[in-house]
Amino acid sequence: MSTTPNVGDVIRTYIKLRDQKSAIEAETKERVADLKAKMEKLEAYLKAQMDAQGLTSFKSDYGTAFLTTTDYANVADWDAVIRFIRDNEAYDMLEKRVSKIAVRGYIEANKAVPPGITYGTKLEVNIRKPGAKSED
């Protein structure tokens, strides 16, 4: 005979599972961080050896270590960047996405969705522990 679960029991079980998931994720994150730190030390050793020997790669029976060049760009001053982009029409420097917060603000102010944007919301079930203000 099947019985309908008690809502309180379902919430309790959900919170228990979520706590277990969080604990596993935290442990995994810590373990991965430890592995990454060890790997970075090994990479630094190999880089130092390549520099010392004037090489750009090492080949062994276990694999090949080699240098690659990776570009990165970080914004130190958004105001300066935006001015530069506008002054030079360099809009290709921007990523192709919009701020959902800004879009929501526009919709609230103008009672319309900006052209070219699809906006939506979804309803989700969230569960919080008693006395907890918010989940991270």
Protein backbone atom coordinates (compact mmCIF):
# COMPACT_ATOMS: atom_id res chain seq x y z
CA MET A 1 0.00 0.00 0.00
CA SER A 2 1.46 3.32 -1.09
CA THR A 3 1.17 6.35 1.15
CA THR A 4 1.57 9.99 0.30
CA PRO A 5 4.76 11.36 1.86
CA ASN A 6 4.48 14.01 4.55
CA VAL A 7 5.63 17.41 3.22
CA GLY A 8 7.77 17.96 6.31
CA ASP A 9 9.53 14.63 5.74
CA VAL A 10 10.19 15.52 2.10
CA ILE A 11 11.68 18.89 3.11
CA ARG A 12 13.80 17.25 5.84
CA THR A 13 15.09 14.65 3.36
CA TYR A 14 15.78 17.31 0.74
CA ILE A 15 17.82 19.39 3.21
CA LYS A 16 19.73 16.30 4.32
CA LEU A 17 20.61 15.45 0.71
CA ARG A 18 21.55 19.04 -0.07
CA ASP A 19 23.84 19.14 2.97
CA GLN A 20 25.48 15.88 1.86
CA LYS A 21 25.92 17.29 -1.65
CA SER A 22 27.47 20.48 -0.24
CA ALA A 23 29.87 18.49 1.93
CA ILE A 24 30.97 16.35 -1.02
CA GLU A 25 31.40 19.45 -3.21
CA ALA A 26 33.44 21.21 -0.51
CA GLU A 27 35.64 18.16 -0.01
CA THR A 28 36.07 17.75 -3.74
CA LYS A 29 36.88 21.45 -4.17
CA GLU A 30 39.54 21.20 -1.46
CA ARG A 31 41.01 18.01 -2.91
CA VAL A 32 41.09 19.53 -6.42
CA ALA A 33 42.76 22.68 -5.06
CA ASP A 34 45.45 20.53 -3.42
CA LEU A 35 46.04 18.64 -6.67
CA LYS A 36 46.18 21.88 -8.67
CA ALA A 37 48.76 23.32 -6.25
CA LYS A 38 50.94 20.21 -6.64
CA MET A 39 50.55 20.32 -10.42
CA GLU A 40 51.53 24.02 -10.49
CA LYS A 41 54.73 23.19 -8.58
CA LEU A 42 55.57 20.47 -11.10
CA GLU A 43 54.83 22.85 -14.00
CA ALA A 44 57.09 25.48 -12.42
CA TYR A 45 59.89 22.91 -12.07
CA LEU A 46 59.56 21.87 -15.71
CA LYS A 47 59.45 25.52 -16.85
CA ALA A 48 62.60 26.28 -14.86
CA GLN A 49 64.33 23.27 -16.41
CA MET A 50 63.30 24.33 -19.91
CA ASP A 51 64.53 27.87 -19.25
CA ALA A 52 67.84 26.60 -17.87
CA GLN A 53 68.37 24.31 -20.84
CA GLY A 54 67.06 26.71 -23.48
CA LEU A 55 64.31 24.31 -24.52
CA THR A 56 60.61 24.69 -25.19
CA SER A 57 59.66 21.06 -24.60
CA PHE A 58 60.63 17.77 -22.95
CA LYS A 59 59.62 14.38 -24.28
CA SER A 60 59.62 11.24 -22.14
CA ASP A 61 58.14 7.76 -22.17
CA TYR A 62 55.35 9.18 -19.97
CA GLY A 63 54.43 12.16 -22.12
CA THR A 64 55.59 15.51 -23.41
CA ALA A 65 55.83 18.77 -21.53
CA PHE A 66 55.82 21.86 -23.72
CA LEU A 67 55.39 25.61 -23.48
CA THR A 68 52.38 27.37 -24.92
CA THR A 69 51.49 31.03 -25.01
CA THR A 70 48.07 32.00 -23.71
CA ASP A 71 46.63 35.50 -24.04
CA TYR A 72 44.40 37.04 -21.40
CA ALA A 73 42.68 40.37 -20.95
CA ASN A 74 41.36 41.73 -17.66
CA VAL A 75 39.65 45.06 -17.10
CA ALA A 76 41.39 47.34 -14.59
CA ASP A 77 39.24 50.43 -15.29
CA TRP A 78 35.81 49.89 -16.86
CA ASP A 79 35.18 53.60 -17.40
CA ALA A 80 38.38 53.93 -19.42
CA VAL A 81 37.58 50.80 -21.41
CA ILE A 82 34.06 51.92 -22.27
CA ARG A 83 35.33 55.38 -23.31
CA PHE A 84 37.95 53.76 -25.52
CA ILE A 85 35.41 51.40 -27.10
CA ARG A 86 32.99 54.26 -27.83
CA ASP A 87 35.67 56.66 -29.09
CA ASN A 88 37.18 54.03 -31.38
CA GLU A 89 34.00 52.13 -32.25
CA ALA A 90 35.78 49.01 -31.00
CA TYR A 91 32.61 47.17 -30.01
CA ASP A 92 34.19 43.89 -31.04
CA MET A 93 36.06 44.01 -27.72
CA LEU A 94 32.85 43.30 -25.84
CA GLU A 95 31.35 39.87 -25.19
CA LYS A 96 27.99 39.13 -26.74
CA ARG A 97 25.68 39.00 -23.74
CA VAL A 98 23.48 41.33 -21.78
CA SER A 99 22.98 41.90 -18.08
CA LYS A 100 19.74 40.28 -16.93
CA ILE A 101 19.55 42.85 -14.11
CA ALA A 102 19.78 45.76 -16.56
CA VAL A 103 17.24 44.14 -18.88
CA ARG A 104 14.85 43.58 -15.96
CA GLY A 105 15.27 47.24 -14.99
CA TYR A 106 14.52 48.34 -18.54
CA ILE A 107 11.41 46.17 -18.65
CA GLU A 108 10.18 47.57 -15.33
CA ALA A 109 10.76 51.15 -16.49
CA ASN A 110 9.43 50.78 -20.03
CA LYS A 111 6.93 47.92 -19.71
CA ALA A 112 8.56 46.28 -22.74
CA VAL A 113 11.43 43.97 -23.54
CA PRO A 114 14.31 45.65 -25.41
CA PRO A 115 14.44 44.73 -29.13
CA GLY A 116 16.38 41.59 -29.92
CA ILE A 117 16.22 40.18 -26.38
CA THR A 118 14.27 37.19 -25.17
CA TYR A 119 13.50 37.54 -21.49
CA GLY A 120 11.85 35.04 -19.21
CA THR A 121 11.57 33.81 -15.69
CA LYS A 122 11.24 30.37 -14.22
CA LEU A 123 9.69 29.25 -10.99
CA GLU A 124 11.85 26.95 -8.87
CA VAL A 125 11.34 25.25 -5.55
CA ASN A 126 13.91 26.32 -2.95
CA ILE A 127 14.26 24.88 0.52
CA ARG A 128 15.95 26.52 3.48
CA LYS A 129 16.87 25.18 6.87
CA PRO A 130 14.93 26.58 9.82
CA GLY A 131 16.56 29.81 10.95
CA ALA A 132 18.75 30.03 7.85
CA LYS A 133 18.54 33.34 6.01
CA SER A 134 19.99 32.31 2.64
CA GLU A 135 21.91 29.55 0.94
CA ASP A 136 25.31 30.14 -0.62
